[in-house]
Amino acid sequence: MEPVLLFRQIDITSRYIENELLVSDTRKGIIQKGEKQMNIKKIAKQTTALSFATALLVGAGSQTWAAESNHKDTNNNYGVSHITRDNMLKIPQQQKSEQFKVPAFDKATIKNIASAKGYDKSGNLIDLDVWDSWPLQNADGTVANYHGYQVVFALAGDPKDADDTSIYVFYQKIGEDSIDSWKNAGRVFKDSDKFVPNDPHLKKQTQEWSGSATLTSDGKIRLFYTNFSGTNYGKQTLTTAQVNVSQPSGDTLKIEGVEDHKSIFDGDGKKYQNIQQFIDEGAYGSGDNHTLRDPHYVEDKGHKYLVFEANTGTEDGYQGEDSLYNRAYYGGNNPFFQSEKEKLLQSSNKKKAALANGALGIVELNNDYTLKKVMDPLITSNTVTDEIERANVFKKDGKWYLFTDSRGSKMTIDGIGQDDVYMLGYVSNTLTGKYKPLNDTGLVLHMDLDPNDKTFTYSHFAVPQVKGDNVVITSYMTNRGFYSEEHSTFAPSFLLNIKGSKTAVVKNSILPQGQLSTDK
């Protein structure tokens, strides 16, 4: 996902120009009365004729009214699952339950990552902010054992420079759990690594954004991440590289460079919005929020896939005012659809909802990690939000669990506030769906602290364990650049229990900062 800043230069999705609501005139059918004075025979004939004519006139009028008032209504699910307005509207009440609350953390116990050091533009050694992180995982999503270490990739940078966003590697001996036991192997990429011959995207990279990493069957580290170009309207490209790591001593890992560094996918326009569509529609000035990031690697039945955050394209429910008339995005029954639709059309959220077409997409990869096939989204959030981040999917007990993070400030749902932060979750019998919401609505985690609070957490990520029904939830704590001495850091982890279609935060399950596993 993108580096989270409260005041991002490119984050202007809350600035919208409200459109005037066009209300159609009410139309009335007029029926003429027949003459009163007639003989019985004429009365019988004319009553029959009048009844027939009246039925035609009233029926035609009724059909005309229905066609005119609902002429834009559709019900097209495009063959994919949806995060519906009906489900989301139930969340403000549901989130009051302790079952969904991110635990409260004692700020006095929170520490910076001591090894999180790097250099500013002047070459000075500084303490870094560390935010989005992801572990080196096995193909099934469990934490990999890399020569006796657990390895974490994380976004890190200069707290005083919002444009400084690079991927670093941290590692910890298996069995240790103290925040101070995390060591820093340094940046994954050198600045020159983006100059790859014949790759049209890498050379325009200005920042490295989040993704995933897998330990391959031959013991190699394969990284997937987001190439971000601030010089090209925030263009985002799913990218991969093999990361070479050495072990110069018994307790040290060292980055030895990368190879096979290449772009994979930057949107096809049909299933997933590309940057040119974003530009053509007005770019940042349009109020749109283009996303194509957070590639999450997963394998199924010998096939390789990336699941990622995106926006829908022109063939699977694109953005625009017509989307506000699609019942599939609303859920519920028809009376709910009609009522919620009319409410939304008159709401200050109308423009924002029309632009909202978030998606968790999927592509299949060849064995050499190049693009093989662009597939339909796993789930979309049309009319709800443009941004569903940190795609994360794994198989447990024969079912596939799909998770995503999102913020209330990006949503169009009454009752959801600016400070609300969510992890949403869905379950399916197959990787490609259909996905149904966990806990009836999709709500898995909720947090609503002031972003200035030191214990504010985001980027929640579910790490499956080898055994049991509990997964470890990791995140980062403290928004970057908010404090002079306290930096964005690994948040304390905690446990989430998953059974079938239900989840619950495990009481009193707070773990050390950054802990990935309960398996010792």
Protein backbone atom coordinates (compact mmCIF):
# COMPACT_ATOMS: atom_id res chain seq x y z
CA MET A 1 0.00 0.00 0.00
CA GLU A 2 1.01 3.62 -0.20
CA PRO A 3 3.01 5.11 2.69
CA VAL A 4 0.34 6.40 5.07
CA LEU A 5 0.61 10.08 5.89
CA LEU A 6 -2.19 12.13 7.38
CA PHE A 7 -1.42 14.90 4.90
CA ARG A 8 -0.27 13.30 1.64
CA GLN A 9 0.33 15.57 -1.29
CA ILE A 10 -1.44 13.21 -3.66
CA ASP A 11 -4.28 12.26 -1.36
CA ILE A 12 -7.06 14.64 -2.36
CA THR A 13 -9.94 12.21 -2.65
CA SER A 14 -11.91 14.14 -0.03
CA ARG A 15 -12.11 17.19 -2.30
CA TYR A 16 -15.15 16.84 -4.41
CA ILE A 17 -17.34 19.20 -6.40
CA GLU A 18 -20.97 18.43 -5.71
CA ASN A 19 -23.26 17.90 -8.69
CA GLU A 20 -26.76 19.27 -8.68
CA LEU A 21 -29.47 16.68 -8.32
CA LEU A 22 -31.72 16.44 -11.31
CA VAL A 23 -35.28 15.65 -10.31
CA SER A 24 -37.72 14.55 -12.99
CA ASP A 25 -41.13 16.18 -13.19
CA THR A 26 -44.10 14.22 -11.86
CA ARG A 27 -46.39 13.06 -14.58
CA LYS A 28 -50.08 12.33 -14.18
CA GLY A 29 -52.37 10.39 -16.39
CA ILE A 30 -55.73 12.08 -17.12
CA ILE A 31 -58.83 10.01 -17.73
CA GLN A 32 -61.90 11.52 -19.31
CA LYS A 33 -65.32 10.73 -17.86
CA GLY A 34 -68.02 9.37 -20.13
CA GLU A 35 -71.42 10.86 -20.57
CA LYS A 36 -74.00 10.05 -17.92
CA GLN A 37 -77.25 9.98 -19.88
CA MET A 38 -77.35 6.89 -22.03
CA ASN A 39 -79.73 4.06 -22.61
CA ILE A 40 -78.99 0.74 -21.02
CA LYS A 41 -77.62 -0.76 -24.22
CA LYS A 42 -75.28 2.15 -24.85
CA ILE A 43 -74.24 2.18 -21.21
CA ALA A 44 -73.26 -1.46 -21.43
CA LYS A 45 -71.33 -1.00 -24.68
CA GLN A 46 -69.63 2.24 -23.70
CA THR A 47 -68.86 1.07 -20.18
CA THR A 48 -67.09 -1.94 -21.65
CA ALA A 49 -65.23 0.24 -24.16
CA LEU A 50 -64.41 2.84 -21.54
CA SER A 51 -63.13 0.21 -19.12
CA PHE A 52 -60.89 -1.22 -21.81
CA ALA A 53 -59.61 2.20 -22.86
CA THR A 54 -59.07 3.26 -19.26
CA ALA A 55 -57.13 0.11 -18.56
CA LEU A 56 -54.91 0.78 -21.56
CA LEU A 57 -54.41 4.43 -20.62
CA VAL A 58 -53.71 3.80 -16.94
CA GLY A 59 -51.53 0.80 -17.70
CA ALA A 60 -49.52 2.72 -20.26
CA GLY A 61 -49.17 5.63 -17.89
CA SER A 62 -47.98 3.36 -15.11
CA GLN A 63 -45.42 1.68 -17.36
CA THR A 64 -44.21 5.02 -18.65
CA TRP A 65 -43.71 6.34 -15.10
CA ALA A 66 -41.79 3.21 -14.07
CA ALA A 67 -39.61 3.39 -17.14
CA GLU A 68 -38.89 7.07 -16.67
CA SER A 69 -38.18 6.92 -12.93
CA ASN A 70 -36.10 3.75 -13.03
CA HIS A 71 -34.74 3.86 -16.56
CA LYS A 72 -31.15 3.86 -15.25
CA ASP A 73 -31.61 1.01 -12.76
CA THR A 74 -29.59 -2.12 -13.43
CA ASN A 75 -28.65 -5.26 -11.49
CA ASN A 76 -25.32 -6.43 -12.88
CA ASN A 77 -22.82 -8.13 -10.58
CA TYR A 78 -20.33 -8.70 -13.43
CA GLY A 79 -19.77 -12.20 -12.08
CA VAL A 80 -17.75 -11.01 -9.06
CA SER A 81 -18.35 -10.51 -5.34
CA HIS A 82 -19.08 -7.08 -3.87
CA ILE A 83 -18.65 -5.17 -0.64
CA THR A 84 -22.23 -3.90 -0.49
CA ARG A 85 -23.75 -0.78 1.01
CA ASP A 86 -26.26 -2.91 2.92
CA ASN A 87 -23.46 -4.74 4.75
CA MET A 88 -21.41 -1.61 5.37
CA LEU A 89 -24.36 0.32 6.81
CA LYS A 90 -24.66 -2.33 9.54
CA ILE A 91 -21.05 -1.92 10.65
CA PRO A 92 -21.34 1.27 12.77
CA GLN A 93 -23.59 -0.60 15.19
CA GLN A 94 -21.70 -3.88 14.94
CA GLN A 95 -18.29 -2.34 15.63
CA LYS A 96 -19.30 -1.50 19.20
CA SER A 97 -18.73 -5.14 20.13
CA GLU A 98 -15.44 -6.09 21.81
CA GLN A 99 -15.25 -8.94 19.30
CA PHE A 100 -13.93 -6.52 16.69
CA LYS A 101 -11.91 -3.97 18.64
CA VAL A 102 -8.19 -3.64 18.09
CA PRO A 103 -6.76 -3.99 21.63
CA ALA A 104 -5.71 -0.89 23.54
CA PHE A 105 -1.94 -0.65 23.95
CA ASP A 106 0.06 0.91 26.77
CA LYS A 107 2.01 3.72 25.13
CA ALA A 108 4.60 3.63 27.91
CA THR A 109 5.75 0.21 26.71
CA ILE A 110 6.12 1.13 23.02
CA LYS A 111 9.66 1.41 21.68
CA ASN A 112 11.22 2.48 18.42
CA ILE A 113 13.02 -0.21 16.43
CA ALA A 114 16.59 0.39 17.61
CA SER A 115 18.15 -1.00 14.43
CA ALA A 116 15.95 1.12 12.13
CA LYS A 117 18.67 3.44 10.95
CA GLY A 118 19.48 4.85 7.53
CA TYR A 119 20.79 7.96 5.82
CA ASP A 120 19.15 11.22 4.85
CA LYS A 121 19.82 13.04 1.58
CA SER A 122 22.87 14.69 3.11
CA GLY A 123 24.38 11.36 4.09
CA ASN A 124 23.72 11.74 7.81
CA LEU A 125 22.86 8.63 9.85
CA ILE A 126 19.31 8.99 11.16
CA ASP A 127 16.58 7.03 12.92
CA LEU A 128 13.92 5.87 10.45
CA ASP A 129 10.16 5.67 10.53
CA VAL A 130 9.01 2.11 9.79
CA TRP A 131 5.43 1.48 8.71
CA ASP A 132 3.87 -1.15 6.38
CA SER A 133 5.61 -4.50 6.84
CA TRP A 134 5.18 -8.05 5.58
CA PRO A 135 6.96 -11.31 6.48
CA LEU A 136 8.86 -13.67 4.24
CA GLN A 137 6.25 -16.41 3.86
CA ASN A 138 6.01 -19.96 2.65
CA ALA A 139 3.71 -20.65 -0.29
CA ASP A 140 0.85 -21.41 2.16
CA GLY A 141 1.22 -18.06 3.93
CA THR A 142 2.93 -19.31 7.10
CA VAL A 143 6.11 -17.58 8.24
CA ALA A 144 9.23 -18.92 6.53
CA ASN A 145 12.29 -20.14 8.41
CA TYR A 146 15.22 -18.57 6.60
CA HIS A 147 18.39 -20.16 8.00
CA GLY A 148 17.02 -19.85 11.54
CA TYR A 149 15.57 -16.36 11.09
CA GLN A 150 12.21 -14.75 10.58
CA VAL A 151 12.54 -12.07 7.91
CA VAL A 152 10.38 -8.97 7.51
CA PHE A 153 10.29 -6.48 4.64
CA ALA A 154 9.10 -3.01 5.62
CA LEU A 155 8.66 0.48 4.23
CA ALA A 156 10.99 2.91 5.98
CA GLY A 157 12.25 6.43 5.50
CA ASP A 158 13.36 9.78 6.85
CA PRO A 159 10.69 11.14 9.23
CA LYS A 160 11.33 14.63 7.83
CA ASP A 161 11.04 13.64 4.17
CA ALA A 162 7.66 12.38 3.03
CA ASP A 163 9.09 11.32 -0.33
CA ASP A 164 11.67 9.04 1.26
CA THR A 165 10.02 5.62 1.00
CA SER A 166 12.15 2.53 0.50
CA ILE A 167 11.97 -1.18 1.34
CA TYR A 168 14.26 -2.39 4.13
CA VAL A 169 14.85 -5.90 5.49
CA PHE A 170 14.64 -6.66 9.21
CA TYR A 171 15.36 -10.07 10.70
CA GLN A 172 15.07 -11.80 14.07
CA LYS A 173 16.30 -15.18 15.30
CA ILE A 174 13.46 -17.66 15.64
CA GLY A 175 12.60 -17.98 19.33
CA GLU A 176 13.37 -14.36 20.19
CA ASP A 177 10.53 -11.88 20.57
CA SER A 178 11.92 -8.61 21.99
CA ILE A 179 11.57 -5.50 19.82
CA ASP A 180 15.29 -4.95 20.41
CA SER A 181 16.16 -8.31 18.86
CA TRP A 182 15.17 -7.12 15.36
CA LYS A 183 18.26 -6.41 13.24
CA ASN A 184 18.43 -4.36 10.07
CA ALA A 185 19.97 -5.77 6.89
CA GLY A 186 19.52 -2.44 5.12
CA ARG A 187 17.78 -1.34 1.93
CA VAL A 188 16.80 -4.00 -0.59
CA PHE A 189 17.49 -1.84 -3.67
CA LYS A 190 20.25 0.54 -4.63
CA ASP A 191 19.10 3.68 -6.45
CA SER A 192 20.67 2.31 -9.63
CA ASP A 193 18.66 -0.94 -9.52
CA LYS A 194 15.75 0.74 -11.30
CA PHE A 195 17.76 1.24 -14.49
CA VAL A 196 16.89 -2.07 -16.10
CA PRO A 197 17.27 -2.28 -19.90
CA ASN A 198 14.02 -2.60 -21.87
CA ASP A 199 11.75 -2.09 -18.83
CA PRO A 200 9.55 0.96 -19.55
CA HIS A 201 8.35 1.42 -15.96
CA LEU A 202 11.20 0.90 -13.52
CA LYS A 203 13.30 3.84 -14.68
CA LYS A 204 10.51 6.25 -13.68
CA GLN A 205 10.33 4.94 -10.11
CA THR A 206 10.47 7.53 -7.32
CA GLN A 207 9.35 5.42 -4.35
CA GLU A 208 9.02 1.75 -3.37
CA TRP A 209 5.64 0.74 -1.92
CA SER A 210 4.49 -2.40 -0.16
CA GLY A 211 3.90 -5.96 -1.34
CA SER A 212 4.82 -9.49 -0.25
CA ALA A 213 7.68 -11.98 -0.28
CA THR A 214 7.87 -15.75 -0.68
CA LEU A 215 10.54 -18.34 -0.02
CA THR A 216 10.67 -20.39 -3.20
CA SER A 217 10.99 -24.17 -3.36
CA ASP A 218 14.70 -23.80 -4.17
CA GLY A 219 15.35 -21.57 -1.15
CA LYS A 220 15.40 -18.19 -2.93
CA ILE A 221 13.75 -15.00 -1.71
CA ARG A 222 11.29 -13.62 -4.25
CA LEU A 223 9.98 -10.11 -3.51
CA PHE A 224 6.85 -8.54 -5.00
CA TYR A 225 6.34 -4.82 -4.46
CA THR A 226 4.79 -1.64 -5.88
CA ASN A 227 6.85 0.62 -8.12
CA PHE A 228 5.49 4.14 -7.55
CA SER A 229 6.21 7.02 -9.92
CA GLY A 230 5.55 10.45 -8.44
CA THR A 231 6.61 12.04 -11.72
CA ASN A 232 3.87 10.22 -13.66
CA TYR A 233 0.62 11.04 -11.82
CA GLY A 234 1.30 8.48 -9.09
CA LYS A 235 1.54 5.56 -11.53
CA GLN A 236 1.78 2.22 -9.71
CA THR A 237 3.18 -0.98 -11.22
CA LEU A 238 3.31 -4.48 -9.72
CA THR A 239 6.98 -5.45 -9.74
CA THR A 240 9.21 -8.35 -8.69
CA ALA A 241 12.86 -9.18 -8.01
CA GLN A 242 14.94 -11.96 -6.53
CA VAL A 243 16.65 -10.69 -3.38
CA ASN A 244 20.04 -12.23 -2.73
CA VAL A 245 21.01 -12.57 0.94
CA SER A 246 24.21 -13.86 2.49
CA GLN A 247 25.04 -14.92 6.05
CA PRO A 248 28.54 -13.56 6.73
CA SER A 249 28.37 -14.66 10.36
CA GLY A 250 26.20 -16.84 12.55
CA ASP A 251 24.01 -13.96 13.65
CA THR A 252 24.05 -11.64 10.63
CA LEU A 253 22.19 -11.43 7.32
CA LYS A 254 23.37 -9.15 4.53
CA ILE A 255 21.67 -7.93 1.33
CA GLU A 256 23.83 -8.89 -1.64
CA GLY A 257 21.80 -7.16 -4.32
CA VAL A 258 18.90 -8.16 -6.55
CA GLU A 259 18.45 -9.88 -9.88
CA ASP A 260 15.62 -10.59 -12.31
CA HIS A 261 14.16 -7.16 -11.42
CA LYS A 262 11.14 -6.57 -13.67
CA SER A 263 7.68 -5.08 -14.01
CA ILE A 264 4.68 -7.42 -14.08
CA PHE A 265 1.41 -5.50 -14.44
CA ASP A 266 0.21 -1.89 -14.53
CA GLY A 267 -3.48 -2.30 -15.42
CA ASP A 268 -5.19 -3.36 -18.64
CA GLY A 269 -7.98 -0.76 -18.65
CA LYS A 270 -10.62 -3.44 -19.12
CA LYS A 271 -10.62 -5.35 -15.84
CA TYR A 272 -8.45 -2.86 -13.94
CA GLN A 273 -8.14 0.90 -14.34
CA ASN A 274 -4.79 2.05 -15.74
CA ILE A 275 -2.99 5.33 -15.25
CA GLN A 276 -3.97 6.70 -18.66
CA GLN A 277 -7.67 6.38 -17.82
CA PHE A 278 -7.00 8.24 -14.58
CA ILE A 279 -5.20 11.00 -16.50
CA ASP A 280 -7.84 11.22 -19.23
CA GLU A 281 -10.57 11.72 -16.64
CA GLY A 282 -8.79 14.62 -14.98
CA ALA A 283 -6.20 12.93 -12.74
CA TYR A 284 -6.06 14.43 -9.23
CA GLY A 285 -8.30 17.31 -10.21
CA SER A 286 -11.16 14.89 -10.87
CA GLY A 287 -11.23 13.71 -7.26
CA ASP A 288 -10.46 10.16 -8.34
CA ASN A 289 -8.03 7.94 -6.43
CA HIS A 290 -6.11 5.58 -8.71
CA THR A 291 -4.72 2.44 -7.01
CA LEU A 292 -2.75 -0.52 -8.34
CA ARG A 293 -0.54 -1.79 -5.54
CA ASP A 294 0.17 -4.17 -2.64
CA PRO A 295 0.83 -7.36 -4.65
CA HIS A 296 0.29 -10.44 -2.46
CA TYR A 297 1.75 -13.71 -3.73
CA VAL A 298 -0.21 -16.94 -3.36
CA GLU A 299 -0.10 -20.44 -4.85
CA ASP A 300 -2.99 -22.80 -5.54
CA LYS A 301 -2.87 -26.23 -7.17
CA GLY A 302 0.56 -25.58 -8.64
CA HIS A 303 -0.38 -22.18 -10.08
CA LYS A 304 1.16 -18.84 -9.11
CA TYR A 305 -0.97 -15.73 -8.53
CA LEU A 306 -0.78 -12.15 -7.34
CA VAL A 307 -3.73 -10.62 -5.51
CA PHE A 308 -3.55 -6.84 -5.33
CA GLU A 309 -5.39 -3.58 -4.69
CA ALA A 310 -6.81 -1.88 -7.78
CA ASN A 311 -9.83 -0.14 -9.27
CA THR A 312 -12.25 -1.76 -11.70
CA GLY A 313 -11.93 -1.27 -15.45
CA THR A 314 -14.47 -0.64 -18.19
CA GLU A 315 -15.64 -4.27 -18.46
CA ASP A 316 -16.37 -5.10 -14.82
CA GLY A 317 -18.25 -2.13 -13.41
CA TYR A 318 -16.33 1.08 -14.01
CA GLN A 319 -16.71 4.28 -12.03
CA GLY A 320 -19.25 6.94 -12.97
CA GLU A 321 -22.74 8.07 -12.06
CA ASP A 322 -24.35 5.05 -13.73
CA SER A 323 -22.85 2.89 -10.97
CA LEU A 324 -25.16 4.59 -8.46
CA TYR A 325 -28.11 2.86 -10.15
CA ASN A 326 -26.71 -0.69 -9.99
CA ARG A 327 -28.61 -2.69 -7.39
CA ALA A 328 -25.78 -5.26 -7.17
CA TYR A 329 -23.64 -2.70 -5.34
CA TYR A 330 -26.31 -2.05 -2.73
CA GLY A 331 -27.31 -5.53 -1.57
CA GLY A 332 -30.48 -6.00 0.44
CA ASN A 333 -33.96 -6.08 -1.06
CA ASN A 334 -35.45 -3.80 -3.70
CA PRO A 335 -37.12 -1.37 -1.25
CA PHE A 336 -33.72 -0.92 0.44
CA PHE A 337 -32.08 -0.36 -2.94
CA GLN A 338 -34.59 2.28 -3.98
CA SER A 339 -34.45 4.06 -0.62
CA GLU A 340 -30.65 4.00 -0.29
CA LYS A 341 -30.21 5.01 -3.92
CA GLU A 342 -32.44 8.07 -3.59
CA LYS A 343 -30.68 8.99 -0.36
CA LEU A 344 -27.26 8.67 -1.98
CA LEU A 345 -28.30 10.69 -5.05
CA GLN A 346 -29.16 13.60 -2.76
CA SER A 347 -26.16 13.12 -0.48
CA SER A 348 -22.94 15.12 -0.31
CA ASN A 349 -21.25 11.73 -0.94
CA LYS A 350 -22.78 11.40 -4.41
CA LYS A 351 -19.66 12.37 -6.40
CA LYS A 352 -17.38 10.39 -4.09
CA ALA A 353 -19.58 7.29 -4.43
CA ALA A 354 -19.70 7.61 -8.22
CA LEU A 355 -15.90 7.52 -8.32
CA ALA A 356 -15.62 4.65 -5.82
CA ASN A 357 -14.66 1.45 -7.61
CA GLY A 358 -12.07 -0.25 -5.41
CA ALA A 359 -11.14 -3.85 -6.20
CA LEU A 360 -9.01 -6.70 -4.97
CA GLY A 361 -7.72 -8.01 -8.27
CA ILE A 362 -5.89 -11.16 -9.28
CA VAL A 363 -3.51 -12.13 -12.09
CA GLU A 364 -1.91 -15.47 -12.83
CA LEU A 365 1.87 -15.65 -13.28
CA ASN A 366 4.10 -17.83 -15.38
CA ASN A 367 6.78 -19.88 -13.62
CA ASP A 368 9.27 -17.08 -14.31
CA TYR A 369 6.94 -14.58 -12.55
CA THR A 370 5.90 -12.79 -15.73
CA LEU A 371 2.24 -12.05 -16.45
CA LYS A 372 0.27 -15.04 -17.74
CA LYS A 373 -3.40 -14.07 -17.39
CA VAL A 374 -5.48 -11.12 -16.19
CA MET A 375 -8.45 -12.42 -14.20
CA ASP A 376 -11.71 -11.00 -12.85
CA PRO A 377 -11.51 -9.23 -9.45
CA LEU A 378 -12.07 -11.30 -6.32
CA ILE A 379 -14.21 -8.55 -4.82
CA THR A 380 -15.07 -4.90 -5.55
CA SER A 381 -16.27 -1.94 -3.49
CA ASN A 382 -18.16 0.13 -6.07
CA THR A 383 -20.05 3.10 -4.53
CA VAL A 384 -18.54 2.26 -1.09
CA THR A 385 -14.85 3.25 -1.35
CA ASP A 386 -12.09 3.71 -3.90
CA GLU A 387 -9.45 2.25 -1.61
CA ILE A 388 -9.27 -1.30 -0.18
CA GLU A 389 -5.62 -1.87 0.74
CA ARG A 390 -3.20 -4.61 1.74
CA ALA A 391 -4.72 -7.53 -0.15
CA ASN A 392 -4.08 -10.70 1.87
CA VAL A 393 -5.41 -14.17 1.14
CA PHE A 394 -4.64 -17.66 2.47
CA LYS A 395 -6.21 -21.10 2.80
CA LYS A 396 -7.32 -22.49 6.16
CA ASP A 397 -9.36 -25.61 6.87
CA GLY A 398 -10.24 -25.98 3.19
CA LYS A 399 -11.53 -22.42 2.80
CA TRP A 400 -9.94 -19.27 1.40
CA TYR A 401 -9.85 -16.16 3.59
CA LEU A 402 -9.47 -12.75 1.98
CA PHE A 403 -8.63 -9.64 4.03
CA THR A 404 -8.26 -5.96 3.24
CA ASP A 405 -7.68 -2.71 5.16
CA SER A 406 -9.65 0.48 4.63
CA ARG A 407 -10.30 3.83 6.22
CA GLY A 408 -13.57 5.53 7.05
CA SER A 409 -12.27 8.79 5.64
CA LYS A 410 -12.37 7.20 2.18
CA MET A 411 -15.86 5.69 2.54
CA THR A 412 -19.34 6.93 1.60
CA ILE A 413 -21.32 5.20 4.34
CA ASP A 414 -23.48 7.05 6.89
CA GLY A 415 -22.33 6.42 10.44
CA ILE A 416 -18.72 5.69 9.51
CA GLY A 417 -16.41 8.49 10.61
CA GLN A 418 -13.12 10.04 9.55
CA ASP A 419 -11.12 8.28 12.28
CA ASP A 420 -12.58 4.80 11.73
CA VAL A 421 -10.05 2.21 10.55
CA TYR A 422 -11.07 -1.28 9.46
CA MET A 423 -9.85 -4.70 8.48
CA LEU A 424 -12.57 -6.36 6.41
CA GLY A 425 -12.67 -10.09 5.66
CA TYR A 426 -14.37 -12.55 3.31
CA VAL A 427 -14.46 -16.32 2.87
CA SER A 428 -14.84 -18.61 -0.14
CA ASN A 429 -14.59 -22.29 -1.03
CA THR A 430 -12.20 -21.42 -3.88
CA LEU A 431 -9.47 -18.86 -4.42
CA THR A 432 -11.40 -17.04 -7.12
CA GLY A 433 -14.69 -16.85 -5.22
CA LYS A 434 -17.54 -16.23 -4.75
CA TYR A 435 -16.56 -14.49 -1.49
CA LYS A 436 -19.03 -14.00 1.35
CA PRO A 437 -18.53 -11.55 4.22
CA LEU A 438 -17.15 -12.80 7.52
CA ASN A 439 -19.31 -12.01 10.55
CA ASP A 440 -22.28 -11.33 8.23
CA THR A 441 -21.00 -7.87 7.15
CA GLY A 442 -17.27 -8.29 6.52
CA LEU A 443 -16.18 -6.51 9.70
CA VAL A 444 -13.12 -8.14 11.30
CA LEU A 445 -11.24 -5.32 13.08
CA HIS A 446 -12.11 -1.76 14.06
CA MET A 447 -9.97 1.07 15.46
CA ASP A 448 -10.94 4.73 15.88
CA LEU A 449 -8.10 6.48 17.72
CA ASP A 450 -7.09 10.03 16.92
CA PRO A 451 -4.34 9.76 14.26
CA ASN A 452 -2.15 11.90 16.57
CA ASP A 453 -2.26 9.22 19.25
CA LYS A 454 1.04 7.39 19.62
CA THR A 455 -0.79 4.05 19.75
CA PHE A 456 -2.69 4.64 16.49
CA THR A 457 -2.34 1.50 14.35
CA TYR A 458 -2.94 0.76 10.69
CA SER A 459 -1.97 -1.66 7.94
CA HIS A 460 -3.27 -4.67 9.88
CA PHE A 461 -2.09 -7.94 8.34
CA ALA A 462 -3.22 -11.48 9.19
CA VAL A 463 -0.43 -14.08 9.40
CA PRO A 464 -1.70 -17.71 9.36
CA GLN A 465 -0.08 -20.15 11.78
CA VAL A 466 0.95 -23.76 11.23
CA LYS A 467 -1.60 -25.06 13.75
CA GLY A 468 -4.80 -23.92 15.42
CA ASP A 469 -7.56 -21.43 14.68
CA ASN A 470 -5.66 -18.28 15.68
CA VAL A 471 -3.81 -15.99 13.29
CA VAL A 472 -1.34 -13.29 14.33
CA ILE A 473 -2.29 -9.71 13.47
CA THR A 474 0.61 -7.36 12.80
CA SER A 475 0.50 -3.62 12.07
CA TYR A 476 2.51 -0.46 12.51
CA MET A 477 2.05 2.10 15.27
CA THR A 478 2.41 5.91 15.34
CA ASN A 479 1.93 7.95 12.18
CA ARG A 480 5.21 8.94 10.60
CA GLY A 481 6.65 12.38 11.22
CA PHE A 482 4.30 13.24 14.09
CA TYR A 483 6.91 13.16 16.87
CA SER A 484 10.55 14.18 17.05
CA GLU A 485 11.73 11.26 19.18
CA GLU A 486 9.07 8.60 18.66
CA HIS A 487 8.91 7.01 15.24
CA SER A 488 6.57 4.78 13.30
CA THR A 489 7.38 1.31 14.56
CA PHE A 490 6.17 -2.28 14.75
CA ALA A 491 2.98 -2.33 16.82
CA PRO A 492 2.38 -5.06 19.40
CA SER A 493 0.84 -8.04 17.62
CA PHE A 494 -2.29 -9.83 18.85
CA LEU A 495 -4.37 -12.88 18.03
CA LEU A 496 -7.50 -13.21 15.95
CA ASN A 497 -9.55 -16.41 16.12
CA ILE A 498 -11.10 -17.71 12.88
CA LYS A 499 -13.71 -20.45 12.80
CA GLY A 500 -15.70 -20.89 9.62
CA SER A 501 -17.34 -17.57 8.77
CA LYS A 502 -16.80 -16.03 12.23
CA THR A 503 -13.85 -14.20 13.73
CA ALA A 504 -13.10 -12.61 17.09
CA VAL A 505 -10.17 -10.83 18.69
CA VAL A 506 -8.72 -13.15 21.34
CA LYS A 507 -8.93 -11.53 24.77
CA ASN A 508 -5.66 -10.77 26.56
CA SER A 509 -3.66 -11.90 23.53
CA ILE A 510 -1.29 -8.96 23.10
CA LEU A 511 2.13 -10.08 21.90
CA PRO A 512 5.50 -8.27 21.68
CA GLN A 513 6.01 -5.59 19.02
CA GLY A 514 6.36 -7.16 15.60
CA GLN A 515 5.85 -10.78 16.68
CA LEU A 516 4.87 -12.96 13.71
CA SER A 517 4.24 -16.38 15.13
CA THR A 518 3.06 -18.26 18.19
CA ASP A 519 4.97 -21.34 17.04
CA LYS A 520 8.22 -21.76 18.96
